[in-house]
PDB file of N, CA and C in Angstrom:
ATOM      1  N   MET A   1       0.746  -0.960   0.111  1.00  0.00           N
ATOM      2  CA  MET A   1       0.208   0.057   0.364  1.00  0.00           C
ATOM      3  C   MET A   1       0.842   1.176   0.254  1.00  0.00           C
ATOM      4  N   THR A   2       0.508   1.812  -0.985  1.00  0.00           N
ATOM      5  CA  THR A   2       1.112   3.700  -0.863  1.00  0.00           C
ATOM      6  C   THR A   2       0.845   4.284   0.241  1.00  0.00           C
ATOM      7  N   LYS A   3       1.938   4.819   0.434  1.00  0.00           N
ATOM      8  CA  LYS A   3       1.465   5.908   1.621  1.00  0.00           C
ATOM      9  C   LYS A   3       1.322   7.494   0.658  1.00  0.00           C
ATOM     10  N   PRO A   4       0.131   7.869   1.578  1.00  0.00           N
ATOM     11  CA  PRO A   4      -0.200   8.982   0.364  1.00  0.00           C
ATOM     12  C   PRO A   4       0.864  10.104   0.940  1.00  0.00           C
ATOM     13  N   THR A   5       0.805  11.028  -0.198  1.00  0.00           N
ATOM     14  CA  THR A   5       1.941  12.228  -0.404  1.00  0.00           C
ATOM     15  C   THR A   5       1.051  13.033   0.645  1.00  0.00           C
ATOM     16  N   GLN A   6       1.962  13.724   1.562  1.00  0.00           N
ATOM     17  CA  GLN A   6       1.843  14.847   2.444  1.00  0.00           C
ATOM     18  C   GLN A   6       1.849  16.731   1.893  1.00  0.00           C
ATOM     19  N   LYS A   7       0.555  16.903   2.036  1.00  0.00           N
ATOM     20  CA  LYS A   7       0.717  18.217   1.313  1.00  0.00           C
ATOM     21  C   LYS A   7       1.422  19.162   2.029  1.00  0.00           C
ATOM     22  N   PRO A   8       1.606  20.450   1.463  1.00  0.00           N
ATOM     23  CA  PRO A   8       2.917  21.176   2.221  1.00  0.00           C
ATOM     24  C   PRO A   8       1.922  21.856   3.166  1.00  0.00           C
ATOM     25  N   VAL A   9       2.700  22.611   4.285  1.00  0.00           N
ATOM     26  CA  VAL A   9       2.127  23.189   5.379  1.00  0.00           C
ATOM     27  C   VAL A   9       2.410  24.724   5.787  1.00  0.00           C
ATOM     28  N   VAL A  10       1.987  25.574   5.820  1.00  0.00           N
ATOM     29  CA  VAL A  10       2.416  26.790   5.775  1.00  0.00           C
ATOM     30  C   VAL A  10       2.145  27.083   7.310  1.00  0.00           C
ATOM     31  N   THR A  11       3.318  27.916   8.055  1.00  0.00           N
ATOM     32  CA  THR A  11       3.356  28.335   9.286  1.00  0.00           C
ATOM     33  C   THR A  11       3.599  29.710   9.524  1.00  0.00           C
ATOM     34  N   ILE A  12       2.638  30.389  10.066  1.00  0.00           N
ATOM     35  CA  ILE A  12       3.099  32.148  10.225  1.00  0.00           C
ATOM     36  C   ILE A  12       3.368  32.461  11.378  1.00  0.00           C
ATOM     37  N   THR A  13       4.322  32.585  12.090  1.00  0.00           N
ATOM     38  CA  THR A  13       4.528  33.199  13.186  1.00  0.00           C
ATOM     39  C   THR A  13       4.501  34.486  13.535  1.00  0.00           C
ATOM     40  N   TYR A  14       3.587  35.188  14.533  1.00  0.00           N
ATOM     41  CA  TYR A  14       3.726  36.748  14.560  1.00  0.00           C
ATOM     42  C   TYR A  14       3.609  36.805  15.984  1.00  0.00           C
ATOM     43  N   CYS A  15       4.139  38.347  16.126  1.00  0.00           N
ATOM     44  CA  CYS A  15       4.616  38.564  17.528  1.00  0.00           C
ATOM     45  C   CYS A  15       3.028  38.995  18.313  1.00  0.00           C
ATOM     46  N   ILE A  16       3.064  38.459  19.044  1.00  0.00           N
ATOM     47  CA  ILE A  16       2.078  38.960  20.056  1.00  0.00           C
ATOM     48  C   ILE A  16       1.777  40.463  20.811  1.00  0.00           C
ATOM     49  N   GLY A  17       2.915  40.918  20.815  1.00  0.00           N
ATOM     50  CA  GLY A  17       3.310  41.854  21.348  1.00  0.00           C
ATOM     51  C   GLY A  17       2.846  43.214  20.249  1.00  0.00           C
ATOM     52  N   CYS A  18       3.294  42.963  19.180  1.00  0.00           N
ATOM     53  CA  CYS A  18       2.411  44.135  18.147  1.00  0.00           C
ATOM     54  C   CYS A  18       1.614  43.558  18.084  1.00  0.00           C
ATOM     55  N   ASN A  19       0.728  42.693  18.191  1.00  0.00           N
ATOM     56  CA  ASN A  19      -0.940  42.484  17.850  1.00  0.00           C
ATOM     57  C   ASN A  19      -0.815  42.284  16.509  1.00  0.00           C
ATOM     58  N   TRP A  20      -0.088  41.459  15.961  1.00  0.00           N
ATOM     59  CA  TRP A  20      -0.308  40.936  14.395  1.00  0.00           C
ATOM     60  C   TRP A  20      -0.791  39.647  14.229  1.00  0.00           C
ATOM     61  N   LEU A  21      -1.536  39.458  14.818  1.00  0.00           N
ATOM     62  CA  LEU A  21      -2.515  37.979  14.687  1.00  0.00           C
ATOM     63  C   LEU A  21      -3.648  38.376  13.331  1.00  0.00           C
ATOM     64  N   LEU A  22      -4.623  39.256  13.279  1.00  0.00           N
ATOM     65  CA  LEU A  22      -5.278  39.668  12.585  1.00  0.00           C
ATOM     66  C   LEU A  22      -4.601  39.691  10.973  1.00  0.00           C
ATOM     67  N   ARG A  23      -3.244  40.338  11.081  1.00  0.00           N
ATOM     68  CA  ARG A  23      -2.711  40.104   9.859  1.00  0.00           C
ATOM     69  C   ARG A  23      -2.323  38.953   9.277  1.00  0.00           C
ATOM     70  N   ALA A  24      -1.959  38.116  10.342  1.00  0.00           N
ATOM     71  CA  ALA A  24      -1.096  36.777  10.253  1.00  0.00           C
ATOM     72  C   ALA A  24      -2.482  35.804   9.700  1.00  0.00           C
ATOM     73  N   GLY A  25      -3.686  36.430  10.579  1.00  0.00           N
ATOM     74  CA  GLY A  25      -4.821  35.435   9.811  1.00  0.00           C
ATOM     75  C   GLY A  25      -5.560  36.092   8.295  1.00  0.00           C
ATOM     76  N   TRP A  26      -5.339  37.054   8.148  1.00  0.00           N
ATOM     77  CA  TRP A  26      -5.852  37.340   6.733  1.00  0.00           C
ATOM     78  C   TRP A  26      -4.895  36.972   5.651  1.00  0.00           C
ATOM     79  N   MET A  27      -3.161  36.604   6.065  1.00  0.00           N
ATOM     80  CA  MET A  27      -2.407  36.092   4.983  1.00  0.00           C
ATOM     81  C   MET A  27      -3.189  34.563   4.985  1.00  0.00           C
ATOM     82  N   ALA A  28      -3.137  33.630   6.362  1.00  0.00           N
ATOM     83  CA  ALA A  28      -4.023  32.685   6.295  1.00  0.00           C
ATOM     84  C   ALA A  28      -4.778  32.823   5.535  1.00  0.00           C
ATOM     85  N   GLN A  29      -6.190  32.911   5.595  1.00  0.00           N
ATOM     86  CA  GLN A  29      -7.319  33.037   4.564  1.00  0.00           C
ATOM     87  C   GLN A  29      -6.791  32.879   3.233  1.00  0.00           C
ATOM     88  N   GLU A  30      -5.801  33.904   2.751  1.00  0.00           N
ATOM     89  CA  GLU A  30      -5.411  34.460   1.294  1.00  0.00           C
ATOM     90  C   GLU A  30      -5.005  33.315   0.903  1.00  0.00           C
ATOM     91  N   LEU A  31      -4.077  32.541   1.548  1.00  0.00           N
ATOM     92  CA  LEU A  31      -3.204  31.255   0.965  1.00  0.00           C
ATOM     93  C   LEU A  31      -4.336  30.496   1.397  1.00  0.00           C
ATOM     94  N   LEU A  32      -5.112  30.060   2.192  1.00  0.00           N
ATOM     95  CA  LEU A  32      -6.036  29.094   2.050  1.00  0.00           C
ATOM     96  C   LEU A  32      -7.661  29.021   0.595  1.00  0.00           C
ATOM     97  N   SER A  33      -7.542  30.242   0.308  1.00  0.00           N
ATOM     98  CA  SER A  33      -8.758  30.563  -0.877  1.00  0.00           C
ATOM     99  C   SER A  33      -7.745  30.425  -1.726  1.00  0.00           C
ATOM    100  N   THR A  34      -6.657  30.736  -2.010  1.00  0.00           N
ATOM    101  CA  THR A  34      -6.079  30.467  -3.186  1.00  0.00           C
ATOM    102  C   THR A  34      -5.849  29.041  -3.554  1.00  0.00           C
ATOM    103  N   PHE A  35      -4.828  28.571  -2.635  1.00  0.00           N
ATOM    104  CA  PHE A  35      -4.726  27.241  -2.870  1.00  0.00           C
ATOM    105  C   PHE A  35      -5.292  26.132  -2.638  1.00  0.00           C
ATOM    106  N   LYS A  36      -6.594  25.996  -2.170  1.00  0.00           N
ATOM    107  CA  LYS A  36      -7.453  25.537  -1.518  1.00  0.00           C
ATOM    108  C   LYS A  36      -6.949  23.754  -1.216  1.00  0.00           C
ATOM    109  N   GLU A  37      -7.173  22.996  -2.206  1.00  0.00           N
ATOM    110  CA  GLU A  37      -6.902  21.727  -1.777  1.00  0.00           C
ATOM    111  C   GLU A  37      -5.269  21.337  -1.917  1.00  0.00           C
ATOM    112  N   GLN A  38      -4.488  22.223  -2.074  1.00  0.00           N
ATOM    113  CA  GLN A  38      -2.873  22.217  -2.185  1.00  0.00           C
ATOM    114  C   GLN A  38      -1.991  22.131  -1.240  1.00  0.00           C
ATOM    115  N   LEU A  39      -2.621  22.662  -0.196  1.00  0.00           N
ATOM    116  CA  LEU A  39      -1.847  22.939   1.348  1.00  0.00           C
ATOM    117  C   LEU A  39      -2.647  22.137   2.298  1.00  0.00           C
ATOM    118  N   GLY A  40      -1.436  21.567   2.753  1.00  0.00           N
ATOM    119  CA  GLY A  40      -2.327  20.694   4.263  1.00  0.00           C
ATOM    120  C   GLY A  40      -2.793  21.425   5.313  1.00  0.00           C
ATOM    121  N   GLY A  41      -2.504  22.778   5.328  1.00  0.00           N
ATOM    122  CA  GLY A  41      -3.162  23.539   6.413  1.00  0.00           C
ATOM    123  C   GLY A  41      -2.299  24.884   6.698  1.00  0.00           C
ATOM    124  N   VAL A  42      -3.230  25.754   7.238  1.00  0.00           N
ATOM    125  CA  VAL A  42      -1.931  27.061   7.567  1.00  0.00           C
ATOM    126  C   VAL A  42      -2.178  26.967   9.275  1.00  0.00           C
ATOM    127  N   THR A  43      -1.118  27.180   9.912  1.00  0.00           N
ATOM    128  CA  THR A  43      -0.930  27.337  11.214  1.00  0.00           C
ATOM    129  C   THR A  43      -0.605  28.454  11.749  1.00  0.00           C
ATOM    130  N   LEU A  44      -1.209  29.413  12.998  1.00  0.00           N
ATOM    131  CA  LEU A  44      -0.681  30.585  13.534  1.00  0.00           C
ATOM    132  C   LEU A  44       0.048  30.171  14.412  1.00  0.00           C
ATOM    133  N   VAL A  45       1.157  30.946  14.693  1.00  0.00           N
ATOM    134  CA  VAL A  45       1.862  30.308  15.866  1.00  0.00           C
ATOM    135  C   VAL A  45       2.255  31.724  16.618  1.00  0.00           C
ATOM    136  N   PRO A  46       1.580  32.120  17.749  1.00  0.00           N
ATOM    137  CA  PRO A  46       1.988  33.058  18.624  1.00  0.00           C
ATOM    138  C   PRO A  46       3.729  33.222  19.154  1.00  0.00           C
ATOM    139  N   GLY A  47       4.276  34.209  18.593  1.00  0.00           N
ATOM    140  CA  GLY A  47       5.312  34.233  18.908  1.00  0.00           C
ATOM    141  C   GLY A  47       5.852  35.389  19.891  1.00  0.00           C
ATOM    142  N   GLU A  48       6.786  35.321  21.003  1.00  0.00           N
ATOM    143  CA  GLU A  48       6.584  36.258  21.962  1.00  0.00           C
ATOM    144  C   GLU A  48       6.541  37.751  21.672  1.00  0.00           C
ATOM    145  N   THR A  49       7.896  38.063  21.777  1.00  0.00           N
ATOM    146  CA  THR A  49       8.100  39.741  21.589  1.00  0.00           C
ATOM    147  C   THR A  49       9.123  39.520  20.549  1.00  0.00           C
ATOM    148  N   GLY A  50       9.548  41.019  20.332  1.00  0.00           N
ATOM    149  CA  GLY A  50      10.470  41.414  19.252  1.00  0.00           C
ATOM    150  C   GLY A  50      10.182  41.529  17.939  1.00  0.00           C
ATOM    151  N   GLY A  51       8.966  41.758  17.403  1.00  0.00           N
ATOM    152  CA  GLY A  51       8.638  41.733  16.309  1.00  0.00           C
ATOM    153  C   GLY A  51       8.534  40.839  15.496  1.00  0.00           C
ATOM    154  N   ILE A  52       8.642  39.806  16.016  1.00  0.00           N
ATOM    155  CA  ILE A  52       8.722  38.186  14.827  1.00  0.00           C
ATOM    156  C   ILE A  52       7.525  38.385  13.805  1.00  0.00           C
ATOM    157  N   PHE A  53       7.770  37.824  12.621  1.00  0.00           N
ATOM    158  CA  PHE A  53       6.568  37.348  11.802  1.00  0.00           C
ATOM    159  C   PHE A  53       7.539  37.028  10.522  1.00  0.00           C
ATOM    160  N   GLU A  54       7.369  35.521  10.765  1.00  0.00           N
ATOM    161  CA  GLU A  54       7.976  34.552   9.721  1.00  0.00           C
ATOM    162  C   GLU A  54       6.484  33.501   9.421  1.00  0.00           C
ATOM    163  N   ILE A  55       7.072  33.612   8.074  1.00  0.00           N
ATOM    164  CA  ILE A  55       6.273  32.335   7.127  1.00  0.00           C
ATOM    165  C   ILE A  55       7.431  31.551   6.623  1.00  0.00           C
ATOM    166  N   HIS A  56       6.886  30.269   6.901  1.00  0.00           N
ATOM    167  CA  HIS A  56       7.299  29.267   6.271  1.00  0.00           C
ATOM    168  C   HIS A  56       6.537  28.322   5.503  1.00  0.00           C
ATOM    169  N   LEU A  57       7.251  27.731   4.773  1.00  0.00           N
ATOM    170  CA  LEU A  57       6.476  26.455   3.802  1.00  0.00           C
ATOM    171  C   LEU A  57       7.275  25.346   4.356  1.00  0.00           C
ATOM    172  N   ASP A  58       6.739  24.332   4.951  1.00  0.00           N
ATOM    173  CA  ASP A  58       7.302  23.154   5.319  1.00  0.00           C
ATOM    174  C   ASP A  58       8.473  23.703   6.085  1.00  0.00           C
ATOM    175  N   THR A  59       9.422  23.377   5.763  1.00  0.00           N
ATOM    176  CA  THR A  59      10.478  23.891   6.677  1.00  0.00           C
ATOM    177  C   THR A  59      11.064  25.150   6.171  1.00  0.00           C
ATOM    178  N   THR A  60      11.197  25.570   5.104  1.00  0.00           N
ATOM    179  CA  THR A  60      11.665  26.720   4.458  1.00  0.00           C
ATOM    180  C   THR A  60      10.742  27.844   4.805  1.00  0.00           C
ATOM    181  N   LEU A  61      12.021  28.646   5.023  1.00  0.00           N
ATOM    182  CA  LEU A  61      11.561  30.361   5.529  1.00  0.00           C
ATOM    183  C   LEU A  61      11.398  30.893   3.970  1.00  0.00           C
ATOM    184  N   ILE A  62      10.189  31.595   3.709  1.00  0.00           N
ATOM    185  CA  ILE A  62       9.977  32.133   2.904  1.00  0.00           C
ATOM    186  C   ILE A  62       9.754  33.319   2.852  1.00  0.00           C
ATOM    187  N   TRP A  63       9.380  33.767   4.299  1.00  0.00           N
ATOM    188  CA  TRP A  63       9.448  35.675   4.632  1.00  0.00           C
ATOM    189  C   TRP A  63      10.017  35.771   5.715  1.00  0.00           C
ATOM    190  N   GLU A  64      10.717  36.620   6.087  1.00  0.00           N
ATOM    191  CA  GLU A  64      10.778  37.019   7.636  1.00  0.00           C
ATOM    192  C   GLU A  64      10.500  38.892   7.495  1.00  0.00           C
ATOM    193  N   ARG A  65      10.260  38.515   8.547  1.00  0.00           N
ATOM    194  CA  ARG A  65      10.275  40.550   8.617  1.00  0.00           C
ATOM    195  C   ARG A  65      11.018  41.128   8.447  1.00  0.00           C
ATOM    196  N   LYS A  66      12.080  41.238   8.788  1.00  0.00           N
ATOM    197  CA  LYS A  66      13.289  41.751   9.356  1.00  0.00           C
ATOM    198  C   LYS A  66      14.259  41.544   8.400  1.00  0.00           C
ATOM    199  N   ARG A  67      14.365  40.755   7.674  1.00  0.00           N
ATOM    200  CA  ARG A  67      15.044  40.472   6.508  1.00  0.00           C
ATOM    201  C   ARG A  67      14.554  40.771   5.461  1.00  0.00           C
ATOM    202  N   ASP A  68      13.634  40.387   5.435  1.00  0.00           N
ATOM    203  CA  ASP A  68      12.779  41.087   4.093  1.00  0.00           C
ATOM    204  C   ASP A  68      12.292  42.375   3.947  1.00  0.00           C
ATOM    205  N   GLY A  69      12.509  43.398   5.049  1.00  0.00           N
ATOM    206  CA  GLY A  69      11.926  44.323   4.980  1.00  0.00           C
ATOM    207  C   GLY A  69      10.531  44.861   5.600  1.00  0.00           C
ATOM    208  N   GLY A  70       9.999  44.159   6.245  1.00  0.00           N
ATOM    209  CA  GLY A  70       8.382  44.604   6.199  1.00  0.00           C
ATOM    210  C   GLY A  70       7.678  43.453   6.424  1.00  0.00           C
ATOM    211  N   PHE A  71       6.262  43.582   5.778  1.00  0.00           N
ATOM    212  CA  PHE A  71       5.560  42.527   5.529  1.00  0.00           C
ATOM    213  C   PHE A  71       5.241  42.233   4.070  1.00  0.00           C
ATOM    214  N   PRO A  72       5.157  41.213   3.498  1.00  0.00           N
ATOM    215  CA  PRO A  72       4.910  40.643   2.203  1.00  0.00           C
ATOM    216  C   PRO A  72       3.505  41.227   1.817  1.00  0.00           C
ATOM    217  N   ASP A  73       3.758  41.572   0.620  1.00  0.00           N
ATOM    218  CA  ASP A  73       2.087  42.359   0.080  1.00  0.00           C
ATOM    219  C   ASP A  73       1.348  40.828  -0.914  1.00  0.00           C
ATOM    220  N   VAL A  74       0.065  40.532  -0.845  1.00  0.00           N
ATOM    221  CA  VAL A  74      -0.385  39.286  -0.940  1.00  0.00           C
ATOM    222  C   VAL A  74       0.033  38.666  -2.189  1.00  0.00           C
ATOM    223  N   LYS A  75       0.514  39.182  -3.157  1.00  0.00           N
ATOM    224  CA  LYS A  75       0.933  39.309  -4.520  1.00  0.00           C
ATOM    225  C   LYS A  75       2.606  38.645  -4.527  1.00  0.00           C
ATOM    226  N   ASP A  76       3.108  38.986  -3.368  1.00  0.00           N
ATOM    227  CA  ASP A  76       4.410  38.546  -3.317  1.00  0.00           C
ATOM    228  C   ASP A  76       4.636  37.338  -2.205  1.00  0.00           C
ATOM    229  N   LEU A  77       3.267  37.337  -1.501  1.00  0.00           N
ATOM    230  CA  LEU A  77       3.451  35.889  -0.703  1.00  0.00           C
ATOM    231  C   LEU A  77       3.014  34.716  -1.078  1.00  0.00           C
ATOM    232  N   LYS A  78       1.668  34.942  -2.381  1.00  0.00           N
ATOM    233  CA  LYS A  78       1.034  33.800  -3.123  1.00  0.00           C
ATOM    234  C   LYS A  78       2.401  32.989  -4.359  1.00  0.00           C
ATOM    235  N   THR A  79       2.696  34.303  -4.211  1.00  0.00           N
ATOM    236  CA  THR A  79       3.691  33.878  -5.638  1.00  0.00           C
ATOM    237  C   THR A  79       4.815  33.144  -5.018  1.00  0.00           C
ATOM    238  N   ARG A  80       5.255  33.448  -3.766  1.00  0.00           N
ATOM    239  CA  ARG A  80       6.539  32.469  -3.707  1.00  0.00           C
ATOM    240  C   ARG A  80       6.251  31.185  -2.866  1.00  0.00           C
ATOM    241  N   VAL A  81       5.012  31.540  -2.470  1.00  0.00           N
ATOM    242  CA  VAL A  81       3.955  30.281  -2.106  1.00  0.00           C
ATOM    243  C   VAL A  81       4.122  29.050  -3.556  1.00  0.00           C
ATOM    244  N   ARG A  82       3.360  29.898  -4.555  1.00  0.00           N
ATOM    245  CA  ARG A  82       2.939  28.825  -5.642  1.00  0.00           C
ATOM    246  C   ARG A  82       4.371  28.472  -6.212  1.00  0.00           C
ATOM    247  N   ASP A  83       5.558  29.385  -6.214  1.00  0.00           N
ATOM    248  CA  ASP A  83       6.733  29.000  -6.709  1.00  0.00           C
ATOM    249  C   ASP A  83       7.467  27.744  -6.185  1.00  0.00           C
ATOM    250  N   LYS A  84       7.313  27.534  -4.973  1.00  0.00           N
ATOM    251  CA  LYS A  84       7.162  26.329  -4.346  1.00  0.00           C
ATOM    252  C   LYS A  84       6.591  25.008  -4.667  1.00  0.00           C
ATOM    253  N   ILE A  85       5.010  25.068  -4.116  1.00  0.00           N
ATOM    254  CA  ILE A  85       4.245  23.684  -4.263  1.00  0.00           C
ATOM    255  C   ILE A  85       3.556  23.558  -6.017  1.00  0.00           C
ATOM    256  N   ASN A  86       3.558  24.641  -6.916  1.00  0.00           N
ATOM    257  CA  ASN A  86       3.055  24.418  -8.136  1.00  0.00           C
ATOM    258  C   ASN A  86       3.455  26.067  -9.082  1.00  0.00           C
ATOM    259  N   PRO A  87       5.029  25.578  -9.323  1.00  0.00           N
ATOM    260  CA  PRO A  87       5.060  26.928 -10.110  1.00  0.00           C
ATOM    261  C   PRO A  87       4.313  26.923 -11.452  1.00  0.00           C
ATOM    262  N   ASN A  88       3.962  25.903 -12.149  1.00  0.00           N
ATOM    263  CA  ASN A  88       2.414  26.076 -13.365  1.00  0.00           C
ATOM    264  C   ASN A  88       1.666  26.750 -12.987  1.00  0.00           C
ATOM    265  N   GLN A  89       1.028  26.879 -11.817  1.00  0.00           N
ATOM    266  CA  GLN A  89      -0.303  27.140 -11.474  1.00  0.00           C
ATOM    267  C   GLN A  89      -0.400  28.749 -11.768  1.00  0.00           C
ATOM    268  N   ASP A  90      -1.670  29.382 -12.366  1.00  0.00           N
ATOM    269  CA  ASP A  90      -1.854  30.968 -12.768  1.00  0.00           C
ATOM    270  C   ASP A  90      -2.811  31.282 -11.421  1.00  0.00           C
ATOM    271  N   LEU A  91      -1.979  32.320 -11.094  1.00  0.00           N
ATOM    272  CA  LEU A  91      -2.746  33.058 -10.482  1.00  0.00           C
ATOM    273  C   LEU A  91      -3.455  34.285 -10.719  1.00  0.00           C
ATOM    274  N   GLY A  92      -3.921  34.102 -11.807  1.00  0.00           N
ATOM    275  CA  GLY A  92      -5.079  34.984 -12.355  1.00  0.00           C
ATOM    276  C   GLY A  92      -4.233  36.532 -11.986  1.00  0.00           C
ATOM    277  N   HIS A  93      -5.280  37.430 -11.994  1.00  0.00           N
ATOM    278  CA  HIS A  93      -4.466  38.759 -12.199  1.00  0.00           C
ATOM    279  C   HIS A  93      -3.564  38.980 -11.529  1.00  0.00           C
ATOM    280  N   LEU A  94      -2.985  38.239 -10.447  1.00  0.00           N
ATOM    281  CA  LEU A  94      -1.736  38.640 -10.021  1.00  0.00           C
ATOM    282  C   LEU A  94      -0.817  38.312 -10.594  1.00  0.00           C
ATOM    283  N   ASP A  95      -0.808  37.169 -11.426  1.00  0.00           N
ATOM    284  CA  ASP A  95       0.381  37.457 -12.766  1.00  0.00           C
ATOM    285  C   ASP A  95       0.582  38.178 -13.800  1.00  0.00           C
ATOM    286  N   ARG A  96      -0.599  39.026 -14.062  1.00  0.00           N
ATOM    287  CA  ARG A  96      -0.967  39.955 -15.221  1.00  0.00           C
ATOM    288  C   ARG A  96       0.623  41.338 -14.914  1.00  0.00           C
ATOM    289  N   VAL A  97       0.959  41.611 -16.058  1.00  0.00           N
ATOM    290  CA  VAL A  97       1.744  42.777 -15.757  1.00  0.00           C
ATOM    291  C   VAL A  97       0.833  43.760 -16.352  1.00  0.00           C
ATOM    292  N   GLU A  98       1.234  44.802 -14.958  1.00  0.00           N
ATOM    293  CA  GLU A  98       0.727  45.946 -14.875  1.00  0.00           C
ATOM    294  C   GLU A  98       1.017  46.681 -16.706  1.00  0.00           C
ATOM    295  N   GLN A  99       0.316  47.496 -16.734  1.00  0.00           N
ATOM    296  CA  GLN A  99       0.768  48.539 -17.886  1.00  0.00           C
ATOM    297  C   GLN A  99       0.040  49.459 -17.487  1.00  0.00           C
ATOM    298  N   ALA A 100       1.074  50.808 -18.172  1.00  0.00           N
ATOM    299  CA  ALA A 100       1.205  51.871 -17.371  1.00  0.00           C
ATOM    300  C   ALA A 100       0.027  52.559 -18.289  1.00  0.00           C
ATOM    301  N   SER A 101      -0.573  53.517 -17.688  1.00  0.00           N
ATOM    302  CA  SER A 101      -2.175  53.843 -17.953  1.00  0.00           C
ATOM    303  C   SER A 101      -1.339  55.126 -19.335  1.00  0.00           C
ATOM    304  N   PRO A 102      -2.029  55.773 -20.516  1.00  0.00           N
ATOM    305  CA  PRO A 102      -1.620  56.323 -21.777  1.00  0.00           C
ATOM    306  C   PRO A 102      -1.767  57.786 -21.360  1.00  0.00           C
ATOM    307  N   GLU A 103      -1.008  58.650 -21.319  1.00  0.00           N
ATOM    308  CA  GLU A 103      -1.486  60.455 -20.977  1.00  0.00           C
ATOM    309  C   GLU A 103      -2.039  60.909 -21.856  1.00  0.00           C
TER     310      GLU A 103
END
């Protein structure tokens, strides 16, 4: 009997002293909405203090607030996750190049 393949899991560790739970929850919701059946889950982990905000895909650190300069926008976060779990997946309007407006 073959063992089923484990789906990747995202872990978001957020600073409780900075009250970043809502931000972490929103990002979790965005990932779960986009990657529906491709993720095994998103776990929110309260971090102590010190401004921690890290996002791991399994054991790979894909975002760290201090290293990466703040918080990811949703496009960058979804692109980083997509590139790891399903590089050929179309992210719809997030993948489209913005064109400058004619003046």
